[in-house]
Amino acid sequence: MSKKKADKRRAVIVEGVRTPFVKAFDDFIELNTIELGALTVKELLRRTELPYNEIDALYWGSVVFIGIAPNTAREIVFEAGLPNHVHGMTVTRACTTGLNAITSAVEAIERGEADVMIAGGSDSTSNAEVPLPQKLIHLAAPFVFGKAKGMSDLIELLPNLMPLQELIPRKPEIAERATGKTMGQHCEEMAQRNQISREAQDEFAVRSHKRAAKGFEEGRLRREVMTISHNGHSASIDAFVRGDTSVEKLAKLRPAFSRNGTLTAGNSTGLSDGSAAVLLMEESKARALGYTPKAAFRSWRYVGIDPHDQLLMGPAYAIPKALDAAGMTLEDVENVELHEAFAAQVLCVLKMLGSKAFAQERLGLDRAVGEFDPEIFNVYGGSVAIGHPFAATGARLALTAANNIHLDGRANSLVSICAGGAMAVAAVLEAV
């Protein structure tokens, strides 16, 4: 982990940019994760005017992969026109992926492996590949890869094609393999267990939308978001942001995951496509090139928890670990960027952070971790309003946190993300 010491290298965030997070299967359906990533990288380099030959490597996150090009990072190097010497490493760790790419790049810089790196993530749910049924693959394999070619072989195959419904491609599975439940179903259980009401969730969602809308109106988010154009369509703000929404409007929506549930499309993140990237440099290198560092990483921790016991509660475990590694308590934190998978998930995490019983029974602490000041928490909205292209969210949060430190004069910022597979990450960024 990185703590500033006079005799050690320190990686810093110099700049960052992201696409607007757009609705999946809509106007930008033809842009895949590689193309979205390349657009962001090129815009980042245009804004910073960094000579391409200064870049050592690109670390990139992806969750929804393109089967014929699994090393998304290297493909983005080619697509963006970067020099061949820029090697690419692809990272994947569910919703923490984008931040994982960044912390991996920080480690590489601080080990002395590189001086200048680009890191981030992109995903296009619109281009998720629909897998063929295993039965069809097994039946067709002898014809595609083996010796079976003749009519007699085909005749022998025909009886095995029944029933035909077993051969029809189905949409990709979104349930957790370990539990058989979707994240929405897991969150419904968490909301019930922690007594999080529908009204509280809708109020939180409205807060997220209004703060994000204000962020665009005041120009703060506009400086982070580039304009993308494709096939006559253009976008420069996130597609899901609704500054005019209200608790009354959200109350009319039906439950999304359970007939009598409290989670709806209005208080959950929507399916979205997008990309986000940051430019990282060794601090002395950044200053030598004339750049002003925005922030550095003081600590981070990744955790895994029991998938059968509140699968999305990971941040409540990761946050105290990252704070301890940074030598801090929650009272020392001046800004918080917390991923909003669902309004209920955030409210459950906040409740457990403020619970002495949870701290004692689950964390081995004497007292509760603490409570966030609403004035420093997701100041410019969160994923419920902004959207959540899986691998891009971590980079978005790191970029916003760095800007909050640099532009608002904050000493630090705490970032945390829950993830599928019952995982989470928390990181502390600090002023340089």
Protein backbone atom coordinates (compact mmCIF):
# COMPACT_ATOMS: atom_id res chain seq x y z
CA MET A 1 0.00 0.00 0.00
CA SER A 2 1.13 3.51 -0.63
CA LYS A 3 2.06 5.91 2.16
CA LYS A 4 4.16 8.91 1.36
CA LYS A 5 7.76 8.57 2.42
CA ALA A 6 10.56 10.83 1.31
CA ASP A 7 12.65 7.94 0.07
CA LYS A 8 9.92 6.13 -1.85
CA ARG A 9 8.21 6.57 -5.19
CA ARG A 10 4.62 7.75 -5.14
CA ALA A 11 2.02 7.35 -7.86
CA VAL A 12 -0.35 10.28 -8.38
CA ILE A 13 -3.53 10.88 -10.35
CA VAL A 14 -2.81 13.64 -12.86
CA GLU A 15 -6.11 13.76 -14.76
CA GLY A 16 -9.08 11.68 -15.77
CA VAL A 17 -12.10 11.61 -18.02
CA ARG A 18 -15.09 9.42 -18.72
CA THR A 19 -17.82 8.99 -21.26
CA PRO A 20 -21.37 9.80 -20.28
CA PHE A 21 -22.92 6.61 -18.96
CA VAL A 22 -25.59 5.80 -21.54
CA LYS A 23 -28.53 3.42 -21.51
CA ALA A 24 -27.73 -0.07 -22.71
CA PHE A 25 -29.39 -1.21 -25.95
CA ASP A 26 -30.06 2.38 -26.98
CA ASP A 27 -28.41 4.98 -29.24
CA PHE A 28 -24.85 3.77 -28.67
CA ILE A 29 -25.53 0.05 -28.88
CA GLU A 30 -22.89 -0.40 -31.61
CA LEU A 31 -19.99 0.82 -29.44
CA ASN A 32 -18.36 -2.14 -27.72
CA THR A 33 -16.14 -2.07 -24.65
CA ILE A 34 -12.93 -1.72 -26.68
CA GLU A 35 -14.27 1.18 -28.71
CA LEU A 36 -15.63 2.93 -25.62
CA GLY A 37 -12.29 2.48 -23.89
CA ALA A 38 -10.32 3.81 -26.85
CA LEU A 39 -12.54 6.90 -27.09
CA THR A 40 -11.84 7.69 -23.45
CA VAL A 41 -8.09 7.11 -23.70
CA LYS A 42 -7.79 9.34 -26.75
CA GLU A 43 -9.78 12.11 -25.07
CA LEU A 44 -7.64 11.84 -21.94
CA LEU A 45 -4.49 12.28 -24.01
CA ARG A 46 -6.03 15.14 -25.98
CA ARG A 47 -6.89 16.99 -22.78
CA THR A 48 -3.50 16.46 -21.17
CA GLU A 49 -1.46 16.92 -24.37
CA LEU A 50 0.76 14.09 -23.20
CA PRO A 51 3.11 12.77 -25.90
CA TYR A 52 2.12 9.19 -26.66
CA ASN A 53 5.70 7.96 -26.34
CA GLU A 54 5.71 8.87 -22.63
CA ILE A 55 3.17 6.14 -21.82
CA ASP A 56 4.63 2.92 -20.43
CA ALA A 57 1.55 0.74 -20.00
CA LEU A 58 -2.24 0.59 -19.95
CA TYR A 59 -4.07 -1.39 -17.27
CA TRP A 60 -7.75 -1.80 -18.07
CA GLY A 61 -10.77 -3.38 -16.48
CA SER A 62 -13.55 -5.27 -18.19
CA VAL A 63 -16.42 -7.42 -16.94
CA VAL A 64 -18.42 -7.99 -20.13
CA PHE A 65 -15.73 -9.42 -22.39
CA ILE A 66 -15.48 -9.73 -26.15
CA GLY A 67 -14.75 -13.40 -26.74
CA ILE A 68 -12.37 -12.98 -29.68
CA ALA A 69 -10.35 -10.29 -27.87
CA PRO A 70 -10.17 -11.14 -24.15
CA ASN A 71 -7.17 -8.88 -23.46
CA THR A 72 -9.24 -5.70 -23.67
CA ALA A 73 -6.33 -3.53 -22.54
CA ARG A 74 -4.05 -4.45 -25.42
CA GLU A 75 -6.86 -4.04 -27.95
CA ILE A 76 -7.49 -0.52 -26.61
CA VAL A 77 -3.79 0.25 -27.11
CA PHE A 78 -4.20 -0.64 -30.78
CA GLU A 79 -7.61 1.02 -31.19
CA ALA A 80 -6.42 4.27 -29.61
CA GLY A 81 -3.29 4.39 -31.76
CA LEU A 82 -0.82 4.14 -28.90
CA PRO A 83 2.78 3.05 -29.59
CA ASN A 84 3.41 -0.68 -29.76
CA HIS A 85 5.68 -0.53 -26.71
CA VAL A 86 2.66 0.29 -24.50
CA HIS A 87 1.81 -3.10 -23.06
CA GLY A 88 -1.70 -3.83 -21.85
CA MET A 89 -2.99 -5.85 -18.92
CA THR A 90 -6.69 -6.61 -18.46
CA VAL A 91 -8.13 -6.80 -14.95
CA THR A 92 -11.46 -8.24 -13.83
CA ARG A 93 -12.96 -8.37 -10.34
CA ALA A 94 -16.70 -7.75 -10.79
CA CYS A 95 -17.81 -4.22 -9.87
CA THR A 96 -14.48 -3.36 -8.25
CA THR A 97 -12.71 -3.94 -11.58
CA GLY A 98 -12.04 -0.33 -12.58
CA LEU A 99 -10.51 0.54 -9.22
CA ASN A 100 -8.57 -2.73 -9.31
CA ALA A 101 -6.96 -1.65 -12.58
CA ILE A 102 -5.96 1.65 -10.98
CA THR A 103 -4.53 0.21 -7.76
CA SER A 104 -2.60 -2.34 -9.83
CA ALA A 105 -1.12 0.51 -11.86
CA VAL A 106 -0.27 2.40 -8.67
CA GLU A 107 1.60 -0.67 -7.43
CA ALA A 108 3.50 -0.95 -10.72
CA ILE A 109 4.58 2.69 -10.59
CA GLU A 110 5.59 2.55 -6.94
CA ARG A 111 7.61 -0.63 -7.59
CA GLY A 112 9.51 1.22 -10.30
CA GLU A 113 8.11 -0.76 -13.23
CA ALA A 114 6.68 2.31 -14.95
CA ASP A 115 6.55 6.10 -14.68
CA VAL A 116 3.45 6.89 -16.75
CA MET A 117 0.36 4.70 -16.99
CA ILE A 118 -3.27 4.90 -18.02
CA ALA A 119 -5.77 2.87 -16.02
CA GLY A 120 -9.53 2.51 -16.00
CA GLY A 121 -12.33 0.36 -17.25
CA SER A 122 -15.17 0.08 -19.73
CA ASP A 123 -18.16 -2.14 -20.36
CA SER A 124 -20.90 -2.43 -22.93
CA THR A 125 -23.79 -4.51 -21.66
CA SER A 126 -25.33 -3.87 -25.08
CA ASN A 127 -22.68 -6.11 -26.59
CA ALA A 128 -22.79 -8.95 -24.10
CA GLU A 129 -22.33 -12.16 -26.04
CA VAL A 130 -25.18 -14.65 -25.95
CA PRO A 131 -23.70 -18.13 -25.39
CA LEU A 132 -24.89 -21.17 -27.29
CA PRO A 133 -26.38 -23.97 -25.17
CA GLN A 134 -23.79 -26.57 -24.14
CA LYS A 135 -25.89 -29.33 -25.71
CA LEU A 136 -25.68 -27.65 -29.12
CA ILE A 137 -21.95 -27.03 -28.74
CA HIS A 138 -21.28 -30.67 -27.88
CA LEU A 139 -23.40 -31.92 -30.78
CA ALA A 140 -21.86 -29.55 -33.31
CA ALA A 141 -18.24 -29.96 -32.19
CA PRO A 142 -17.55 -33.12 -34.27
CA PHE A 143 -18.68 -31.26 -37.40
CA VAL A 144 -16.76 -28.09 -36.68
CA PHE A 145 -13.56 -29.48 -35.17
CA GLY A 146 -13.65 -33.24 -35.80
CA LYS A 147 -13.91 -35.74 -38.61
CA ALA A 148 -17.70 -36.03 -38.80
CA LYS A 149 -18.66 -34.42 -42.09
CA GLY A 150 -20.83 -36.81 -44.10
CA MET A 151 -24.57 -37.17 -44.53
CA SER A 152 -24.66 -40.32 -42.42
CA ASP A 153 -23.10 -38.43 -39.52
CA LEU A 154 -25.71 -35.71 -39.89
CA ILE A 155 -28.55 -38.25 -39.90
CA GLU A 156 -27.22 -39.75 -36.67
CA LEU A 157 -27.16 -36.27 -35.17
CA LEU A 158 -30.79 -35.34 -35.91
CA PRO A 159 -32.51 -37.41 -33.15
CA ASN A 160 -30.27 -35.74 -30.57
CA LEU A 161 -31.56 -32.30 -31.51
CA MET A 162 -34.80 -32.86 -29.60
CA PRO A 163 -36.31 -31.12 -27.75
CA LEU A 164 -35.53 -28.05 -29.83
CA GLN A 165 -36.06 -25.62 -26.94
CA GLU A 166 -32.84 -26.94 -25.40
CA LEU A 167 -30.95 -25.64 -28.44
CA ILE A 168 -32.28 -22.09 -28.39
CA PRO A 169 -29.74 -19.51 -27.14
CA ARG A 170 -30.73 -17.83 -23.89
CA LYS A 171 -29.78 -14.51 -22.37
CA PRO A 172 -26.62 -14.54 -20.22
CA GLU A 173 -27.14 -15.70 -16.63
CA ILE A 174 -27.13 -12.86 -14.11
CA ALA A 175 -27.63 -14.90 -10.96
CA GLU A 176 -24.76 -15.47 -8.55
CA ARG A 177 -23.33 -18.91 -9.27
CA ALA A 178 -22.68 -19.55 -5.57
CA THR A 179 -26.23 -18.78 -4.46
CA GLY A 180 -28.49 -18.97 -7.51
CA LYS A 181 -29.93 -15.54 -6.68
CA THR A 182 -29.54 -12.24 -8.48
CA MET A 183 -27.99 -9.24 -6.77
CA GLY A 184 -31.42 -7.65 -6.69
CA GLN A 185 -32.82 -10.63 -4.83
CA HIS A 186 -29.92 -10.55 -2.39
CA CYS A 187 -30.50 -6.85 -1.80
CA GLU A 188 -34.22 -7.41 -1.19
CA GLU A 189 -33.26 -9.83 1.57
CA MET A 190 -30.82 -7.28 3.02
CA ALA A 191 -33.45 -4.54 2.97
CA GLN A 192 -35.91 -6.75 4.84
CA ARG A 193 -33.34 -7.96 7.34
CA ASN A 194 -32.12 -4.45 8.14
CA GLN A 195 -35.60 -2.90 8.05
CA ILE A 196 -34.88 -0.48 5.20
CA SER A 197 -38.22 0.92 4.04
CA ARG A 198 -39.31 1.64 0.48
CA GLU A 199 -39.71 5.31 1.38
CA ALA A 200 -36.15 5.54 2.70
CA GLN A 201 -34.84 3.97 -0.51
CA ASP A 202 -36.82 6.35 -2.71
CA GLU A 203 -35.67 9.34 -0.66
CA PHE A 204 -32.07 8.25 -1.10
CA ALA A 205 -32.56 7.80 -4.85
CA VAL A 206 -34.07 11.29 -5.19
CA ARG A 207 -31.09 12.70 -3.31
CA SER A 208 -28.72 10.96 -5.71
CA HIS A 209 -30.53 12.27 -8.79
CA LYS A 210 -30.78 15.84 -7.56
CA ARG A 211 -27.12 15.95 -6.57
CA ALA A 212 -26.02 14.53 -9.93
CA ALA A 213 -28.24 17.01 -11.78
CA LYS A 214 -26.76 19.84 -9.75
CA GLY A 215 -23.27 18.55 -10.55
CA PHE A 216 -23.99 18.90 -14.27
CA GLU A 217 -25.79 22.24 -13.91
CA GLU A 218 -22.87 23.75 -11.98
CA GLY A 219 -20.34 22.32 -14.41
CA ARG A 220 -18.52 20.09 -11.95
CA LEU A 221 -19.48 16.81 -13.60
CA ARG A 222 -19.25 18.29 -17.08
CA ARG A 223 -15.50 18.72 -16.64
CA GLU A 224 -15.22 14.95 -16.00
CA VAL A 225 -17.52 13.85 -18.83
CA MET A 226 -16.56 13.99 -22.50
CA THR A 227 -18.96 14.16 -25.44
CA ILE A 228 -19.42 11.03 -27.53
CA SER A 229 -20.97 10.92 -30.99
CA HIS A 230 -21.92 7.95 -33.13
CA ASN A 231 -24.24 7.44 -36.10
CA GLY A 232 -25.92 10.81 -35.68
CA HIS A 233 -26.34 10.49 -31.93
CA SER A 234 -24.48 12.60 -29.38
CA ALA A 235 -24.34 12.57 -25.58
CA SER A 236 -22.51 14.69 -23.02
CA ILE A 237 -24.42 13.91 -19.80
CA ASP A 238 -25.41 10.66 -18.11
CA ALA A 239 -28.63 9.25 -19.52
CA PHE A 240 -30.24 8.22 -16.24
CA VAL A 241 -29.98 11.52 -14.34
CA ARG A 242 -33.42 12.94 -13.51
CA GLY A 243 -33.19 16.16 -11.53
CA ASP A 244 -36.96 16.56 -11.52
CA THR A 245 -37.76 13.20 -9.96
CA SER A 246 -39.51 12.98 -6.60
CA VAL A 247 -40.45 10.49 -3.93
CA GLU A 248 -44.03 10.72 -5.18
CA LYS A 249 -42.98 9.74 -8.72
CA LEU A 250 -40.78 6.89 -7.56
CA ALA A 251 -43.53 5.58 -5.28
CA LYS A 252 -45.59 4.71 -8.38
CA LEU A 253 -43.02 2.20 -9.67
CA ARG A 254 -43.56 -1.50 -9.20
CA PRO A 255 -41.09 -3.74 -7.34
CA ALA A 256 -38.43 -5.12 -9.67
CA PHE A 257 -37.20 -8.28 -7.96
CA SER A 258 -40.03 -9.51 -5.74
CA ARG A 259 -43.80 -9.09 -5.91
CA ASN A 260 -43.92 -7.56 -2.44
CA GLY A 261 -40.42 -6.12 -2.51
CA THR A 262 -39.15 -2.58 -2.04
CA LEU A 263 -36.48 -2.36 -4.76
CA THR A 264 -37.58 -0.75 -8.01
CA ALA A 265 -36.02 0.51 -11.22
CA GLY A 266 -36.11 3.95 -9.62
CA ASN A 267 -34.00 3.15 -6.56
CA SER A 268 -31.60 0.76 -8.32
CA THR A 269 -28.90 1.24 -10.94
CA GLY A 270 -29.92 0.77 -14.56
CA LEU A 271 -28.14 -1.23 -17.25
CA SER A 272 -25.62 1.12 -18.81
CA ASP A 273 -22.60 1.34 -21.11
CA GLY A 274 -19.58 3.55 -20.55
CA SER A 275 -15.90 4.04 -19.90
CA ALA A 276 -13.65 5.94 -17.49
CA ALA A 277 -9.88 6.43 -17.31
CA VAL A 278 -7.24 8.19 -15.24
CA LEU A 279 -3.67 9.19 -16.04
CA LEU A 280 -1.22 8.07 -13.37
CA MET A 281 2.40 9.15 -13.01
CA GLU A 282 5.24 8.87 -10.56
CA GLU A 283 5.07 12.18 -8.70
CA SER A 284 8.47 13.56 -9.67
CA LYS A 285 7.86 12.56 -13.29
CA ALA A 286 4.52 14.38 -13.29
CA ARG A 287 6.09 17.56 -11.97
CA ALA A 288 8.99 17.31 -14.41
CA LEU A 289 6.48 17.16 -17.28
CA GLY A 290 4.66 20.21 -15.91
CA TYR A 291 1.58 18.52 -14.46
CA THR A 292 -0.04 19.27 -11.10
CA PRO A 293 -0.93 16.05 -9.25
CA LYS A 294 -4.50 15.86 -7.99
CA ALA A 295 -4.29 13.04 -5.46
CA ALA A 296 -2.43 9.93 -4.38
CA PHE A 297 -3.50 6.65 -2.80
CA ARG A 298 -2.83 6.29 0.90
CA SER A 299 -4.29 2.81 1.35
CA TRP A 300 -6.71 0.25 -0.04
CA ARG A 301 -8.13 -3.10 0.94
CA TYR A 302 -10.08 -5.75 -0.98
CA VAL A 303 -12.30 -8.19 0.94
CA GLY A 304 -14.44 -11.25 0.39
CA ILE A 305 -17.38 -12.21 2.60
CA ASP A 306 -19.93 -15.02 2.92
CA PRO A 307 -22.15 -14.87 -0.21
CA HIS A 308 -25.07 -16.38 1.70
CA ASP A 309 -24.98 -13.70 4.41
CA GLN A 310 -25.76 -10.23 3.02
CA LEU A 311 -23.80 -10.52 -0.22
CA LEU A 312 -23.56 -6.75 -0.82
CA MET A 313 -22.41 -5.81 2.69
CA GLY A 314 -18.73 -5.88 1.71
CA PRO A 315 -18.03 -2.13 2.11
CA ALA A 316 -18.88 -2.38 5.82
CA TYR A 317 -15.95 -4.80 6.11
CA ALA A 318 -13.55 -3.11 3.66
CA ILE A 319 -13.91 0.46 4.93
CA PRO A 320 -12.55 -0.12 8.46
CA LYS A 321 -9.66 -2.15 7.02
CA ALA A 322 -8.67 0.61 4.59
CA LEU A 323 -8.99 3.26 7.29
CA ASP A 324 -6.84 1.24 9.66
CA ALA A 325 -4.21 0.76 6.95
CA ALA A 326 -4.20 4.54 6.44
CA GLY A 327 -3.91 5.21 10.16
CA MET A 328 -7.27 6.96 10.14
CA THR A 329 -10.76 6.75 11.61
CA LEU A 330 -14.02 7.70 9.94
CA GLU A 331 -13.91 11.01 11.79
CA ASP A 332 -10.79 11.92 9.79
CA VAL A 333 -12.50 11.45 6.42
CA GLU A 334 -13.37 14.67 4.57
CA ASN A 335 -15.10 13.24 1.50
CA VAL A 336 -16.82 9.94 0.65
CA GLU A 337 -17.57 8.34 -2.72
CA LEU A 338 -19.60 5.16 -2.22
CA HIS A 339 -20.92 3.07 -5.12
CA GLU A 340 -24.72 2.89 -5.11
CA ALA A 341 -25.59 -0.54 -6.49
CA PHE A 342 -29.02 -0.09 -4.93
CA ALA A 343 -30.28 2.56 -2.55
CA ALA A 344 -31.10 -0.24 -0.10
CA GLN A 345 -27.56 -1.61 -0.29
CA VAL A 346 -26.05 1.75 0.63
CA LEU A 347 -28.50 2.25 3.49
CA CYS A 348 -27.74 -1.24 4.83
CA VAL A 349 -23.99 -0.55 4.75
CA LEU A 350 -24.42 2.82 6.47
CA LYS A 351 -26.55 1.20 9.16
CA MET A 352 -23.93 -1.47 9.86
CA LEU A 353 -21.09 1.05 9.96
CA GLY A 354 -23.01 2.81 12.71
CA SER A 355 -23.77 -0.41 14.60
CA LYS A 356 -21.74 -1.29 17.69
CA ALA A 357 -23.08 -4.85 17.61
CA PHE A 358 -21.93 -5.33 13.99
CA ALA A 359 -18.51 -3.91 14.82
CA GLN A 360 -18.07 -6.25 17.76
CA GLU A 361 -19.52 -9.40 16.20
CA ARG A 362 -18.25 -9.08 12.62
CA LEU A 363 -15.24 -6.78 12.75
CA GLY A 364 -13.75 -7.52 16.14
CA LEU A 365 -13.86 -3.85 17.10
CA ASP A 366 -14.86 -2.31 20.41
CA ARG A 367 -17.05 0.39 18.91
CA ALA A 368 -18.96 1.23 15.75
CA VAL A 369 -16.95 2.38 12.74
CA GLY A 370 -19.04 5.56 12.63
CA GLU A 371 -21.45 7.58 10.51
CA PHE A 372 -20.91 9.67 7.37
CA ASP A 373 -21.70 13.35 7.34
CA PRO A 374 -24.35 13.69 4.57
CA GLU A 375 -22.67 16.89 3.40
CA ILE A 376 -19.49 15.06 2.36
CA PHE A 377 -21.09 11.83 1.10
CA ASN A 378 -21.68 11.37 -2.67
CA VAL A 379 -21.79 15.12 -3.08
CA TYR A 380 -22.40 14.92 -6.84
CA GLY A 381 -24.72 11.93 -6.82
CA GLY A 382 -23.98 8.27 -7.25
CA SER A 383 -24.58 5.21 -9.38
CA VAL A 384 -28.36 5.16 -8.83
CA ALA A 385 -28.53 8.40 -10.82
CA ILE A 386 -25.35 8.25 -12.89
CA GLY A 387 -25.41 4.62 -14.01
CA HIS A 388 -23.09 1.67 -13.53
CA PRO A 389 -21.12 0.24 -16.47
CA PHE A 390 -19.55 -2.44 -14.31
CA ALA A 391 -15.83 -1.95 -14.99
CA ALA A 392 -16.07 1.82 -15.40
CA THR A 393 -17.53 2.66 -11.99
CA GLY A 394 -14.32 2.23 -9.99
CA ALA A 395 -12.45 4.62 -12.26
CA ARG A 396 -15.34 7.09 -12.13
CA LEU A 397 -15.25 7.10 -8.35
CA ALA A 398 -11.46 7.53 -8.25
CA LEU A 399 -11.68 10.44 -10.70
CA THR A 400 -14.44 12.18 -8.76
CA ALA A 401 -12.64 11.62 -5.46
CA ALA A 402 -9.41 13.08 -6.87
CA ASN A 403 -11.28 16.13 -8.15
CA ASN A 404 -13.04 16.56 -4.81
CA ILE A 405 -9.63 16.65 -3.13
CA HIS A 406 -7.98 18.89 -5.71
CA LEU A 407 -10.80 21.34 -6.42
CA ASP A 408 -12.51 21.50 -3.03
CA GLY A 409 -9.37 21.55 -0.92
CA ARG A 410 -10.18 18.26 0.83
CA ALA A 411 -7.37 16.48 2.64
CA ASN A 412 -8.65 13.05 1.66
CA SER A 413 -11.46 11.01 0.17
CA LEU A 414 -12.77 7.54 0.98
CA VAL A 415 -13.95 5.37 -1.92
CA SER A 416 -15.78 2.05 -1.55
CA ILE A 417 -17.53 -0.40 -3.87
CA CYS A 418 -19.55 -3.56 -3.31
CA ALA A 419 -19.28 -6.31 -5.91
CA GLY A 420 -20.79 -9.52 -7.15
CA GLY A 421 -19.28 -12.65 -5.70
CA ALA A 422 -19.59 -11.14 -2.21
CA MET A 423 -16.56 -8.88 -2.53
CA ALA A 424 -15.76 -5.22 -1.94
CA VAL A 425 -12.98 -2.66 -1.93
CA ALA A 426 -12.29 0.51 0.02
CA ALA A 427 -9.52 2.99 -0.71
CA VAL A 428 -8.28 6.21 0.83
CA LEU A 429 -7.03 8.94 -1.49
CA GLU A 430 -5.13 11.92 -0.14
CA ALA A 431 -4.01 15.37 -1.20
CA VAL A 432 -0.53 15.70 -2.66
